[in-house]
Amino acid sequence: MTHILLPFMILPLYSVMKSVPPTYLRAAVSLGSAPLAAFFRVYVPQTYAGIGAGGLLVFILAIGYYVTPALLGGVDDQMLSYYIAQYTNVNINWGMACALGAVLLAATLVLYAVYRRVVKSEVSLG
């Protein structure tokens, strides 16, 4: 999962980091800030949108993985998508699979709404 999902985190983060002008860091250092403090107080807050977008993208893609936790964690450590596939393909319990799919969709939509609210408040503050 890490090898596949890593680019989905790096690419949004890279595009945001590339858009931050390097003159901001030089200005902070010239005004007396230490280089490490300037990085964490000037550069990192401007990349929060990329961190949030990459994290949300990785989360949405990772909830569909059910083979990897089955192989690594065993039978006791399963994700919700495994049970959706189990009820759909093996038990043929469409109602339970639909209910679990709705729970998974609701959790994803709640996370997306929280992300939108956080990004909207940062844009209005910035």
C-alpha atoms as a PDB file:
ATOM      1  CA  MET A   1       0.000   0.000   0.000  1.00  0.00           C
ATOM      2  CA  THR A   2       2.816   2.385   0.827  1.00  0.00           C
ATOM      3  CA  HIS A   3       4.519   1.979  -2.521  1.00  0.00           C
ATOM      4  CA  ILE A   4       1.300   2.515  -4.416  1.00  0.00           C
ATOM      5  CA  LEU A   5      -0.170   5.340  -2.323  1.00  0.00           C
ATOM      6  CA  LEU A   6       3.015   7.348  -1.716  1.00  0.00           C
ATOM      7  CA  PRO A   7       2.802   9.237  -5.032  1.00  0.00           C
ATOM      8  CA  PHE A   8      -0.774  10.232  -4.214  1.00  0.00           C
ATOM      9  CA  MET A   9       0.558  12.044  -1.134  1.00  0.00           C
ATOM     10  CA  ILE A  10       3.734  13.425  -2.669  1.00  0.00           C
ATOM     11  CA  LEU A  11       2.283  14.929  -5.848  1.00  0.00           C
ATOM     12  CA  PRO A  12      -0.306  17.257  -4.208  1.00  0.00           C
ATOM     13  CA  LEU A  13       2.251  18.214  -1.597  1.00  0.00           C
ATOM     14  CA  TYR A  14       4.883  18.926  -4.246  1.00  0.00           C
ATOM     15  CA  SER A  15       2.547  21.119  -6.282  1.00  0.00           C
ATOM     16  CA  VAL A  16       1.726  23.223  -3.217  1.00  0.00           C
ATOM     17  CA  MET A  17       5.349  23.411  -2.087  1.00  0.00           C
ATOM     18  CA  LYS A  18       6.453  24.499  -5.553  1.00  0.00           C
ATOM     19  CA  SER A  19       4.023  27.420  -5.502  1.00  0.00           C
ATOM     20  CA  VAL A  20       5.477  28.914  -2.275  1.00  0.00           C
ATOM     21  CA  PRO A  21       7.944  31.648  -3.246  1.00  0.00           C
ATOM     22  CA  PRO A  22      11.450  31.103  -1.807  1.00  0.00           C
ATOM     23  CA  THR A  23      11.653  34.815  -1.028  1.00  0.00           C
ATOM     24  CA  TYR A  24       9.370  34.249   1.972  1.00  0.00           C
ATOM     25  CA  LEU A  25      11.975  32.102   3.692  1.00  0.00           C
ATOM     26  CA  ARG A  26      14.776  34.509   2.833  1.00  0.00           C
ATOM     27  CA  ALA A  27      12.708  37.394   4.211  1.00  0.00           C
ATOM     28  CA  ALA A  28      12.049  35.544   7.464  1.00  0.00           C
ATOM     29  CA  VAL A  29      15.746  34.734   7.887  1.00  0.00           C
ATOM     30  CA  SER A  30      16.754  38.307   7.072  1.00  0.00           C
ATOM     31  CA  LEU A  31      14.326  39.555   9.737  1.00  0.00           C
ATOM     32  CA  GLY A  32      16.144  37.508  12.379  1.00  0.00           C
ATOM     33  CA  SER A  33      14.478  34.103  12.376  1.00  0.00           C
ATOM     34  CA  ALA A  34      16.545  30.941  12.514  1.00  0.00           C
ATOM     35  CA  PRO A  35      16.371  28.923   9.274  1.00  0.00           C
ATOM     36  CA  LEU A  36      14.629  25.977  10.941  1.00  0.00           C
ATOM     37  CA  ALA A  37      12.146  28.249  12.708  1.00  0.00           C
ATOM     38  CA  ALA A  38      11.492  30.112   9.455  1.00  0.00           C
ATOM     39  CA  PHE A  39      10.782  26.802   7.744  1.00  0.00           C
ATOM     40  CA  PHE A  40       8.258  25.691  10.377  1.00  0.00           C
ATOM     41  CA  ARG A  41       6.623  29.105  10.873  1.00  0.00           C
ATOM     42  CA  VAL A  42       6.544  30.369   7.290  1.00  0.00           C
ATOM     43  CA  TYR A  43       6.840  27.488   4.845  1.00  0.00           C
ATOM     44  CA  VAL A  44       4.973  24.628   6.540  1.00  0.00           C
ATOM     45  CA  PRO A  45       1.723  26.564   7.243  1.00  0.00           C
ATOM     46  CA  GLN A  46       1.483  27.390   3.543  1.00  0.00           C
ATOM     47  CA  THR A  47       1.580  23.680   2.689  1.00  0.00           C
ATOM     48  CA  TYR A  48      -1.342  22.648   4.906  1.00  0.00           C
ATOM     49  CA  ALA A  49      -3.681  22.540   1.904  1.00  0.00           C
ATOM     50  CA  GLY A  50      -1.388  20.080   0.127  1.00  0.00           C
ATOM     51  CA  ILE A  51      -1.019  17.974   3.262  1.00  0.00           C
ATOM     52  CA  GLY A  52      -4.791  17.865   3.669  1.00  0.00           C
ATOM     53  CA  ALA A  53      -5.463  17.108   0.004  1.00  0.00           C
ATOM     54  CA  GLY A  54      -2.858  14.352  -0.089  1.00  0.00           C
ATOM     55  CA  GLY A  55      -4.062  12.856   3.173  1.00  0.00           C
ATOM     56  CA  LEU A  56      -7.665  12.854   1.994  1.00  0.00           C
ATOM     57  CA  LEU A  57      -6.725  11.316  -1.338  1.00  0.00           C
ATOM     58  CA  VAL A  58      -4.658   8.593   0.314  1.00  0.00           C
ATOM     59  CA  PHE A  59      -7.435   7.888   2.819  1.00  0.00           C
ATOM     60  CA  ILE A  60     -10.072   7.532   0.121  1.00  0.00           C
ATOM     61  CA  LEU A  61      -7.870   5.196  -1.886  1.00  0.00           C
ATOM     62  CA  ALA A  62      -6.783   3.191   1.172  1.00  0.00           C
ATOM     63  CA  ILE A  63     -10.299   2.364   2.348  1.00  0.00           C
ATOM     64  CA  GLY A  64     -10.702   0.147  -0.697  1.00  0.00           C
ATOM     65  CA  TYR A  65      -7.724  -2.046   0.182  1.00  0.00           C
ATOM     66  CA  TYR A  66      -8.858  -5.239   1.819  1.00  0.00           C
ATOM     67  CA  VAL A  67      -6.313  -7.780   0.601  1.00  0.00           C
ATOM     68  CA  THR A  68      -3.263  -6.208   2.276  1.00  0.00           C
ATOM     69  CA  PRO A  69      -4.699  -6.165   5.838  1.00  0.00           C
ATOM     70  CA  ALA A  70      -5.931  -9.718   5.322  1.00  0.00           C
ATOM     71  CA  LEU A  71      -2.433 -10.867   4.415  1.00  0.00           C
ATOM     72  CA  LEU A  72      -0.589  -8.866   7.070  1.00  0.00           C
ATOM     73  CA  GLY A  73      -2.988  -8.785   9.993  1.00  0.00           C
ATOM     74  CA  GLY A  74      -4.706 -12.121   9.716  1.00  0.00           C
ATOM     75  CA  VAL A  75      -8.380 -12.857  10.206  1.00  0.00           C
ATOM     76  CA  ASP A  76      -8.787 -10.754  13.357  1.00  0.00           C
ATOM     77  CA  ASP A  77      -7.490  -7.509  11.833  1.00  0.00           C
ATOM     78  CA  GLN A  78      -9.762  -6.585   8.921  1.00  0.00           C
ATOM     79  CA  MET A  79     -10.925  -3.360   7.359  1.00  0.00           C
ATOM     80  CA  LEU A  80     -14.502  -2.511   6.490  1.00  0.00           C
ATOM     81  CA  SER A  81     -13.987  -3.047   2.770  1.00  0.00           C
ATOM     82  CA  TYR A  82     -13.032  -6.679   3.445  1.00  0.00           C
ATOM     83  CA  TYR A  83     -16.378  -7.287   5.110  1.00  0.00           C
ATOM     84  CA  ILE A  84     -18.214  -5.598   2.250  1.00  0.00           C
ATOM     85  CA  ALA A  85     -16.509  -7.955  -0.203  1.00  0.00           C
ATOM     86  CA  GLN A  86     -17.145 -10.895   2.124  1.00  0.00           C
ATOM     87  CA  TYR A  87     -20.876 -10.204   2.397  1.00  0.00           C
ATOM     88  CA  THR A  88     -21.146  -9.540  -1.331  1.00  0.00           C
ATOM     89  CA  ASN A  89     -19.162 -12.469  -2.749  1.00  0.00           C
ATOM     90  CA  VAL A  90     -19.159 -15.232  -0.134  1.00  0.00           C
ATOM     91  CA  ASN A  91     -22.201 -14.862   2.126  1.00  0.00           C
ATOM     92  CA  ILE A  92     -24.361 -13.213  -0.557  1.00  0.00           C
ATOM     93  CA  ASN A  93     -25.990 -10.964   2.012  1.00  0.00           C
ATOM     94  CA  TRP A  94     -26.705  -7.907  -0.119  1.00  0.00           C
ATOM     95  CA  GLY A  95     -28.460  -6.001   2.657  1.00  0.00           C
ATOM     96  CA  MET A  96     -25.501  -6.174   5.018  1.00  0.00           C
ATOM     97  CA  ALA A  97     -23.071  -5.322   2.219  1.00  0.00           C
ATOM     98  CA  CYS A  98     -25.220  -2.316   1.299  1.00  0.00           C
ATOM     99  CA  ALA A  99     -25.385  -1.158   4.909  1.00  0.00           C
ATOM    100  CA  LEU A 100     -21.614  -1.453   5.348  1.00  0.00           C
ATOM    101  CA  GLY A 101     -21.070   0.359   2.049  1.00  0.00           C
ATOM    102  CA  ALA A 102     -23.340   3.165   3.246  1.00  0.00           C
ATOM    103  CA  VAL A 103     -21.348   3.400   6.505  1.00  0.00           C
ATOM    104  CA  LEU A 104     -18.100   3.574   4.530  1.00  0.00           C
ATOM    105  CA  LEU A 105     -19.533   6.231   2.212  1.00  0.00           C
ATOM    106  CA  ALA A 106     -20.856   8.257   5.157  1.00  0.00           C
ATOM    107  CA  ALA A 107     -17.484   8.130   6.920  1.00  0.00           C
ATOM    108  CA  THR A 108     -15.748   9.304   3.756  1.00  0.00           C
ATOM    109  CA  LEU A 109     -18.243  12.135   3.228  1.00  0.00           C
ATOM    110  CA  VAL A 110     -17.900  13.272   6.856  1.00  0.00           C
ATOM    111  CA  LEU A 111     -14.122  13.331   6.507  1.00  0.00           C
ATOM    112  CA  TYR A 112     -14.417  15.282   3.263  1.00  0.00           C
ATOM    113  CA  ALA A 113     -16.811  17.792   4.889  1.00  0.00           C
ATOM    114  CA  VAL A 114     -14.361  18.306   7.760  1.00  0.00           C
ATOM    115  CA  TYR A 115     -11.562  18.816   5.243  1.00  0.00           C
ATOM    116  CA  ARG A 116     -13.620  21.372   3.291  1.00  0.00           C
ATOM    117  CA  ARG A 117     -14.476  23.265   6.481  1.00  0.00           C
ATOM    118  CA  VAL A 118     -10.830  23.385   7.591  1.00  0.00           C
ATOM    119  CA  VAL A 119      -9.601  24.522   4.171  1.00  0.00           C
ATOM    120  CA  LYS A 120     -12.401  27.097   3.923  1.00  0.00           C
ATOM    121  CA  SER A 121     -11.520  28.561   7.326  1.00  0.00           C
ATOM    122  CA  GLU A 122      -7.812  28.714   6.414  1.00  0.00           C
ATOM    123  CA  VAL A 123      -8.590  30.529   3.179  1.00  0.00           C
ATOM    124  CA  SER A 124     -10.755  33.084   4.976  1.00  0.00           C
ATOM    125  CA  LEU A 125      -8.050  33.630   7.618  1.00  0.00           C
ATOM    126  CA  GLY A 126      -5.180  33.791   5.147  1.00  0.00           C
END
